Amino acid sequence: MTTGPRLRVNPIACDGRGLCAEVLPEMITLDDWGFPIICDAEVPPGLLDEAAEAVRLCPRLALRLDHGARAPAAPQPRGADQGQDHRLCPAAVPPDGMRSRYLRR
C-alpha cells in the first residue's frame, strides 16, 4: 500500500548546510552537527509547496520527495494535533547513554 509523499535524505550526499530545516521546520530538524533529521511521516498537503522548495534549494541534491513510499508498519502517534510540539515530528534525540558513546571517540 502506498501513501502520500515522504521526504528522504541521502546522508552521503548531504553536507549539513541546514537550508532544508529553515524552509520546512515542521518536518526537518538538525542534529548537533547540522545534518537533517527527517520526520518519517507523509508530507501534509498544506506543506507540499514548502517540501518541494526544500528539495529544490538543497545545494547537494541530497533531499528528495518520495511519491511511492510505503506506509510504515506502525503509525507514528506524535504530531502537532496532540499539542506536544509545533512541528509534526519532534527531533529524535538519542538517550544520554547512546549519545555519549558516540561522542567519546
N, C-alpha and C. Protein backbone atom coordinates (compact mmCIF):
# COMPACT_ATOMS: atom_id res chain seq x y z
N MET A 1 0.83 -1.17 0.00
CA MET A 1 0.00 0.00 0.00
C MET A 1 0.89 1.25 0.00
N THR A 2 0.65 2.16 -0.89
CA THR A 2 1.41 3.40 -0.93
C THR A 2 0.65 4.50 -0.23
N THR A 3 1.41 5.49 0.19
CA THR A 3 0.83 6.62 0.91
C THR A 3 1.23 7.89 0.18
N GLY A 4 1.01 9.02 0.82
CA GLY A 4 1.40 10.30 0.24
C GLY A 4 2.92 10.44 0.21
N PRO A 5 3.39 11.53 -0.34
CA PRO A 5 4.84 11.73 -0.47
C PRO A 5 5.53 11.87 0.88
N ARG A 6 6.76 11.39 0.92
CA ARG A 6 7.60 11.48 2.12
C ARG A 6 8.94 12.08 1.72
N LEU A 7 9.52 12.79 2.66
CA LEU A 7 10.85 13.34 2.42
C LEU A 7 11.90 12.28 2.72
N ARG A 8 12.92 12.24 1.90
CA ARG A 8 14.04 11.32 2.10
C ARG A 8 15.33 12.12 1.94
N VAL A 9 16.35 11.75 2.69
CA VAL A 9 17.65 12.41 2.57
C VAL A 9 18.71 11.36 2.30
N ASN A 10 19.66 11.72 1.43
CA ASN A 10 20.81 10.87 1.18
C ASN A 10 21.91 11.37 2.12
N PRO A 11 22.20 10.64 3.19
CA PRO A 11 23.17 11.13 4.18
C PRO A 11 24.59 11.22 3.64
N ILE A 12 24.89 10.49 2.59
CA ILE A 12 26.23 10.56 2.00
C ILE A 12 26.39 11.86 1.22
N ALA A 13 25.36 12.27 0.51
CA ALA A 13 25.44 13.49 -0.30
C ALA A 13 25.31 14.76 0.55
N CYS A 14 24.60 14.68 1.65
CA CYS A 14 24.33 15.86 2.48
C CYS A 14 25.61 16.36 3.15
N ASP A 15 25.79 17.69 3.12
CA ASP A 15 26.94 18.26 3.83
C ASP A 15 26.51 19.13 5.01
N GLY A 16 25.25 19.06 5.39
CA GLY A 16 24.77 19.68 6.62
C GLY A 16 24.67 21.19 6.61
N ARG A 17 24.26 21.78 5.51
CA ARG A 17 24.11 23.24 5.47
C ARG A 17 22.84 23.72 6.17
N GLY A 18 21.81 22.88 6.25
CA GLY A 18 20.63 23.19 7.02
C GLY A 18 19.58 24.04 6.33
N LEU A 19 19.70 24.28 5.02
CA LEU A 19 18.69 25.07 4.32
C LEU A 19 17.33 24.41 4.39
N CYS A 20 17.30 23.09 4.33
CA CYS A 20 16.03 22.36 4.35
C CYS A 20 15.26 22.62 5.65
N ALA A 21 15.97 22.65 6.77
CA ALA A 21 15.31 22.88 8.06
C ALA A 21 14.80 24.31 8.19
N GLU A 22 15.43 25.24 7.51
CA GLU A 22 14.94 26.62 7.53
C GLU A 22 13.64 26.75 6.75
N VAL A 23 13.54 26.03 5.63
CA VAL A 23 12.36 26.11 4.79
C VAL A 23 11.21 25.28 5.36
N LEU A 24 11.52 24.15 5.99
CA LEU A 24 10.48 23.21 6.44
C LEU A 24 10.74 22.75 7.88
N PRO A 25 10.70 23.67 8.86
CA PRO A 25 10.99 23.28 10.25
C PRO A 25 9.93 22.36 10.86
N GLU A 26 8.74 22.29 10.24
CA GLU A 26 7.69 21.41 10.75
C GLU A 26 8.05 19.94 10.58
N MET A 27 8.93 19.63 9.62
CA MET A 27 9.26 18.23 9.35
C MET A 27 10.74 17.92 9.42
N ILE A 28 11.58 18.93 9.48
CA ILE A 28 13.03 18.70 9.46
C ILE A 28 13.67 19.45 10.62
N THR A 29 14.43 18.73 11.42
CA THR A 29 15.25 19.34 12.46
C THR A 29 16.70 19.00 12.16
N LEU A 30 17.61 19.66 12.83
CA LEU A 30 19.03 19.42 12.61
C LEU A 30 19.65 18.79 13.85
N ASP A 31 20.60 17.88 13.62
CA ASP A 31 21.32 17.31 14.75
C ASP A 31 22.41 18.28 15.20
N ASP A 32 23.22 17.87 16.14
CA ASP A 32 24.26 18.76 16.69
C ASP A 32 25.29 19.20 15.66
N TRP A 33 25.43 18.47 14.57
CA TRP A 33 26.42 18.78 13.54
C TRP A 33 25.80 19.45 12.32
N GLY A 34 24.50 19.73 12.36
CA GLY A 34 23.84 20.43 11.28
C GLY A 34 23.22 19.54 10.22
N PHE A 35 23.23 18.23 10.43
CA PHE A 35 22.65 17.31 9.46
C PHE A 35 21.17 17.10 9.77
N PRO A 36 20.35 16.94 8.72
CA PRO A 36 18.90 16.88 8.92
C PRO A 36 18.42 15.57 9.54
N ILE A 37 17.43 15.72 10.39
CA ILE A 37 16.66 14.59 10.92
C ILE A 37 15.28 14.75 10.30
N ILE A 38 14.93 13.83 9.42
CA ILE A 38 13.71 13.93 8.64
C ILE A 38 12.59 13.18 9.34
N CYS A 39 11.45 13.82 9.47
CA CYS A 39 10.26 13.20 10.03
C CYS A 39 9.81 12.06 9.10
N ASP A 40 9.59 10.89 9.66
CA ASP A 40 9.15 9.75 8.85
C ASP A 40 7.64 9.70 8.82
N ALA A 41 7.06 10.70 8.18
CA ALA A 41 5.60 10.78 8.03
C ALA A 41 5.29 11.37 6.67
N GLU A 42 4.06 11.19 6.24
CA GLU A 42 3.64 11.80 4.98
C GLU A 42 3.74 13.31 5.08
N VAL A 43 4.10 13.92 3.97
CA VAL A 43 4.09 15.38 3.92
C VAL A 43 2.63 15.81 3.79
N PRO A 44 2.13 16.59 4.73
CA PRO A 44 0.73 17.04 4.64
C PRO A 44 0.52 17.89 3.40
N PRO A 45 -0.67 17.86 2.83
CA PRO A 45 -0.95 18.64 1.62
C PRO A 45 -0.62 20.13 1.78
N GLY A 46 -0.82 20.68 2.96
CA GLY A 46 -0.53 22.08 3.19
C GLY A 46 0.95 22.43 3.21
N LEU A 47 1.81 21.41 3.29
CA LEU A 47 3.25 21.65 3.32
C LEU A 47 3.97 21.15 2.07
N LEU A 48 3.22 20.69 1.08
CA LEU A 48 3.86 20.16 -0.13
C LEU A 48 4.67 21.22 -0.86
N ASP A 49 4.20 22.45 -0.93
CA ASP A 49 4.96 23.50 -1.60
C ASP A 49 6.28 23.77 -0.88
N GLU A 50 6.24 23.83 0.46
CA GLU A 50 7.46 24.05 1.24
C GLU A 50 8.43 22.87 1.09
N ALA A 51 7.89 21.65 1.06
CA ALA A 51 8.73 20.47 0.89
C ALA A 51 9.42 20.49 -0.48
N ALA A 52 8.67 20.84 -1.51
CA ALA A 52 9.25 20.93 -2.85
C ALA A 52 10.31 22.02 -2.91
N GLU A 53 10.08 23.13 -2.20
CA GLU A 53 11.06 24.21 -2.17
C GLU A 53 12.33 23.76 -1.44
N ALA A 54 12.19 23.01 -0.35
CA ALA A 54 13.36 22.49 0.37
C ALA A 54 14.17 21.57 -0.53
N VAL A 55 13.49 20.72 -1.29
CA VAL A 55 14.18 19.83 -2.23
C VAL A 55 14.91 20.65 -3.29
N ARG A 56 14.25 21.66 -3.81
CA ARG A 56 14.84 22.48 -4.86
C ARG A 56 16.06 23.26 -4.37
N LEU A 57 16.02 23.71 -3.13
CA LEU A 57 17.10 24.53 -2.59
C LEU A 57 18.31 23.73 -2.09
N CYS A 58 18.19 22.44 -1.97
CA CYS A 58 19.31 21.63 -1.45
C CYS A 58 20.51 21.75 -2.39
N PRO A 59 21.62 22.33 -1.91
CA PRO A 59 22.77 22.54 -2.79
C PRO A 59 23.47 21.26 -3.21
N ARG A 60 23.30 20.19 -2.46
CA ARG A 60 23.95 18.92 -2.78
C ARG A 60 22.99 17.89 -3.37
N LEU A 61 21.75 18.29 -3.61
CA LEU A 61 20.71 17.40 -4.17
C LEU A 61 20.54 16.14 -3.31
N ALA A 62 20.65 16.32 -2.00
CA ALA A 62 20.57 15.20 -1.07
C ALA A 62 19.14 14.93 -0.59
N LEU A 63 18.24 15.87 -0.83
CA LEU A 63 16.87 15.75 -0.36
C LEU A 63 15.95 15.46 -1.55
N ARG A 64 14.97 14.57 -1.33
CA ARG A 64 14.01 14.28 -2.39
C ARG A 64 12.65 13.98 -1.80
N LEU A 65 11.63 14.16 -2.62
CA LEU A 65 10.27 13.77 -2.26
C LEU A 65 10.01 12.40 -2.86
N ASP A 66 9.71 11.44 -2.03
CA ASP A 66 9.45 10.08 -2.48
C ASP A 66 7.94 9.91 -2.59
N HIS A 67 7.43 9.87 -3.82
CA HIS A 67 5.98 9.76 -4.03
C HIS A 67 5.48 8.33 -3.98
N GLY A 68 6.35 7.36 -4.01
CA GLY A 68 5.92 5.96 -3.99
C GLY A 68 6.28 5.27 -2.70
N ALA A 69 6.30 6.01 -1.60
CA ALA A 69 6.71 5.44 -0.32
C ALA A 69 5.67 4.46 0.19
N ARG A 70 6.15 3.46 0.90
CA ARG A 70 5.24 2.50 1.53
C ARG A 70 4.86 3.00 2.91
N ALA A 71 3.68 2.62 3.34
CA ALA A 71 3.21 3.02 4.67
C ALA A 71 4.08 2.34 5.73
N PRO A 72 4.38 3.01 6.83
CA PRO A 72 5.15 2.38 7.89
C PRO A 72 4.34 1.28 8.56
N ALA A 73 5.04 0.32 9.15
CA ALA A 73 4.37 -0.80 9.80
C ALA A 73 3.50 -0.32 10.96
N ALA A 74 4.01 0.59 11.76
CA ALA A 74 3.25 1.14 12.88
C ALA A 74 3.20 2.65 12.74
N PRO A 75 2.02 3.25 12.70
CA PRO A 75 1.94 4.70 12.54
C PRO A 75 2.54 5.43 13.73
N GLN A 76 3.12 6.58 13.45
CA GLN A 76 3.71 7.42 14.49
C GLN A 76 2.58 8.16 15.21
N PRO A 77 2.46 8.01 16.53
CA PRO A 77 1.37 8.68 17.23
C PRO A 77 1.62 10.15 17.51
N ARG A 78 2.84 10.65 17.28
CA ARG A 78 3.16 12.02 17.59
C ARG A 78 2.69 12.95 16.48
N GLY A 79 2.41 14.17 16.85
CA GLY A 79 2.03 15.14 15.83
C GLY A 79 1.61 16.45 16.45
N ALA A 80 1.43 17.43 15.59
CA ALA A 80 1.05 18.76 16.05
C ALA A 80 -0.34 18.74 16.69
N ASP A 81 -1.19 17.81 16.28
CA ASP A 81 -2.55 17.79 16.81
C ASP A 81 -2.61 17.34 18.26
N GLN A 82 -1.52 16.76 18.79
CA GLN A 82 -1.52 16.33 20.18
C GLN A 82 -1.01 17.43 21.11
N GLY A 83 -0.57 18.55 20.54
CA GLY A 83 -0.14 19.67 21.35
C GLY A 83 1.21 19.50 22.01
N GLN A 84 1.98 18.48 21.64
CA GLN A 84 3.28 18.26 22.26
C GLN A 84 4.33 19.20 21.69
N ASP A 85 4.24 19.54 20.43
CA ASP A 85 5.26 20.33 19.78
C ASP A 85 4.63 21.00 18.57
N HIS A 86 5.19 22.11 18.11
CA HIS A 86 4.63 22.79 16.95
C HIS A 86 5.02 22.11 15.65
N ARG A 87 6.01 21.23 15.70
CA ARG A 87 6.43 20.51 14.49
C ARG A 87 5.63 19.22 14.37
N LEU A 88 5.63 18.65 13.20
CA LEU A 88 4.94 17.37 13.01
C LEU A 88 5.66 16.24 13.70
N CYS A 89 6.98 16.28 13.71
CA CYS A 89 7.78 15.24 14.33
C CYS A 89 8.88 15.89 15.15
N PRO A 90 8.79 15.87 16.47
CA PRO A 90 9.86 16.43 17.28
C PRO A 90 11.18 15.71 17.01
N ALA A 91 12.26 16.40 17.18
CA ALA A 91 13.58 15.84 16.89
C ALA A 91 13.82 14.58 17.70
N ALA A 92 14.40 13.60 17.03
CA ALA A 92 14.75 12.36 17.71
C ALA A 92 16.12 12.53 18.34
N VAL A 93 16.15 12.56 19.64
CA VAL A 93 17.41 12.72 20.36
C VAL A 93 17.71 11.40 21.06
N PRO A 94 18.89 10.81 20.80
CA PRO A 94 19.20 9.53 21.44
C PRO A 94 19.34 9.69 22.95
N PRO A 95 19.10 8.63 23.71
CA PRO A 95 19.29 8.71 25.16
C PRO A 95 20.73 9.09 25.46
N ASP A 96 20.96 9.68 26.65
CA ASP A 96 22.30 10.15 27.01
C ASP A 96 23.34 9.05 26.91
N GLY A 97 23.01 7.85 27.29
CA GLY A 97 23.98 6.75 27.20
C GLY A 97 24.43 6.49 25.77
N MET A 98 23.50 6.51 24.84
CA MET A 98 23.83 6.29 23.43
C MET A 98 24.62 7.46 22.88
N ARG A 99 24.19 8.67 23.22
CA ARG A 99 24.83 9.86 22.68
C ARG A 99 26.27 9.97 23.15
N SER A 100 26.50 9.74 24.43
CA SER A 100 27.85 9.87 24.97
C SER A 100 28.78 8.81 24.38
N ARG A 101 28.22 7.64 24.03
CA ARG A 101 29.05 6.60 23.44
C ARG A 101 29.60 7.06 22.09
N TYR A 102 28.81 7.79 21.32
CA TYR A 102 29.27 8.26 20.02
C TYR A 102 30.19 9.46 20.12
N LEU A 103 30.04 10.26 21.16
CA LEU A 103 30.84 11.46 21.29
C LEU A 103 32.19 11.22 21.95
N ARG A 104 32.44 10.05 22.51
CA ARG A 104 33.68 9.78 23.22
C ARG A 104 34.86 9.50 22.30
N ARG A 105 34.65 9.31 21.06
CA ARG A 105 35.73 8.90 20.14
C ARG A 105 36.87 9.84 20.11
